[in-house]
């Protein structure tokens, strides 16, 4: 699922080889300056029921859908 940037996963999968040189420069710059772009830190929080059927709101757990680029970056670091 895509995050707040709504950049679909299939674009990364199908065109990753074209995006790789640019993304590599961004990742290296981010590591060099020891900071992550603030837009990468955004997430869509979706409540998911802990059990079915749902009886109360306290039976929900939050799932954070982050940007795909941040998920890739987290795997590399």
Protein backbone atom coordinates (compact mmCIF):
# COMPACT_ATOMS: atom_id res chain seq x y z
CA UNK A 1 0.00 0.00 0.00
CA UNK A 2 1.25 3.44 -0.80
CA UNK A 3 1.68 6.05 1.90
CA UNK A 4 0.88 9.76 2.00
CA UNK A 5 2.83 10.45 -1.20
CA UNK A 6 0.46 8.10 -3.09
CA UNK A 7 3.39 6.96 -5.25
CA UNK A 8 2.25 3.49 -6.38
CA UNK A 9 4.42 0.48 -5.66
CA UNK A 10 4.31 -0.73 -9.26
CA UNK A 11 6.22 2.37 -10.41
CA UNK A 12 9.09 1.44 -8.09
CA UNK A 13 8.95 -2.17 -9.26
CA UNK A 14 8.70 -1.48 -12.99
CA UNK A 15 10.89 1.63 -13.25
CA UNK A 16 13.27 1.13 -10.35
CA UNK A 17 16.25 0.68 -12.65
CA UNK A 18 15.61 4.19 -14.06
CA UNK A 19 15.04 5.71 -10.62
CA UNK A 20 17.99 3.99 -8.92
CA UNK A 21 20.76 6.50 -9.80
CA UNK A 22 18.75 9.48 -8.57
CA UNK A 23 17.46 7.71 -5.47
CA UNK A 24 21.00 6.54 -4.66
CA UNK A 25 22.21 10.15 -4.69
CA UNK A 26 19.34 11.20 -2.42
CA UNK A 27 20.00 8.31 -0.01
CA UNK A 28 23.74 9.04 0.10
CA UNK A 29 23.12 12.75 0.69
CA UNK A 30 20.66 11.93 3.45
CA UNK A 31 23.20 9.68 5.15
CA UNK A 32 26.02 12.19 4.66
CA UNK A 33 24.03 15.01 6.29
CA UNK A 34 22.51 12.65 8.88
CA UNK A 35 18.96 13.74 8.21
CA UNK A 36 15.88 12.33 6.56
CA UNK A 37 13.55 14.55 4.50
CA UNK A 38 10.51 15.46 6.58
CA UNK A 39 8.11 14.35 3.84
CA UNK A 40 9.47 10.81 4.16
CA UNK A 41 8.48 10.76 7.83
CA UNK A 42 4.77 11.28 7.13
CA UNK A 43 2.44 8.32 7.51
CA UNK A 44 -1.21 7.47 7.08
CA UNK A 45 -2.42 5.85 10.29
CA UNK A 46 -5.16 3.29 9.73
CA UNK A 47 -7.04 1.61 12.59
CA UNK A 48 -7.19 -2.18 12.30
CA UNK A 49 -9.42 -4.29 14.59
CA UNK A 50 -7.51 -6.54 17.00
CA UNK A 51 -10.28 -9.08 16.82
CA UNK A 52 -13.50 -9.53 14.94
CA UNK A 53 -16.25 -8.44 15.47
CA UNK A 54 -15.34 -4.98 16.71
CA UNK A 55 -17.19 -3.99 19.90
CA UNK A 56 -15.26 -0.96 21.18
CA UNK A 57 -12.82 1.62 19.84
CA UNK A 58 -10.11 0.46 22.26
CA UNK A 59 -10.01 -2.83 20.32
CA UNK A 60 -8.30 -1.08 17.41
CA UNK A 61 -4.57 -1.01 16.77
CA UNK A 62 -2.89 1.62 14.60
CA UNK A 63 -1.01 0.68 11.43
CA UNK A 64 1.24 3.36 9.92
CA UNK A 65 1.52 3.37 6.13
CA UNK A 66 4.75 5.22 5.38
CA UNK A 67 6.05 6.37 2.02
CA UNK A 68 7.56 3.58 -0.06
CA UNK A 69 10.84 5.48 -0.43
CA UNK A 70 11.15 5.58 3.37
CA UNK A 71 10.50 1.84 3.61
CA UNK A 72 13.27 1.22 1.07
CA UNK A 73 15.61 3.56 2.96
CA UNK A 74 14.85 1.84 6.29
CA UNK A 75 15.75 -1.55 4.82
CA UNK A 76 19.11 -0.24 3.63
CA UNK A 77 20.09 1.41 6.89
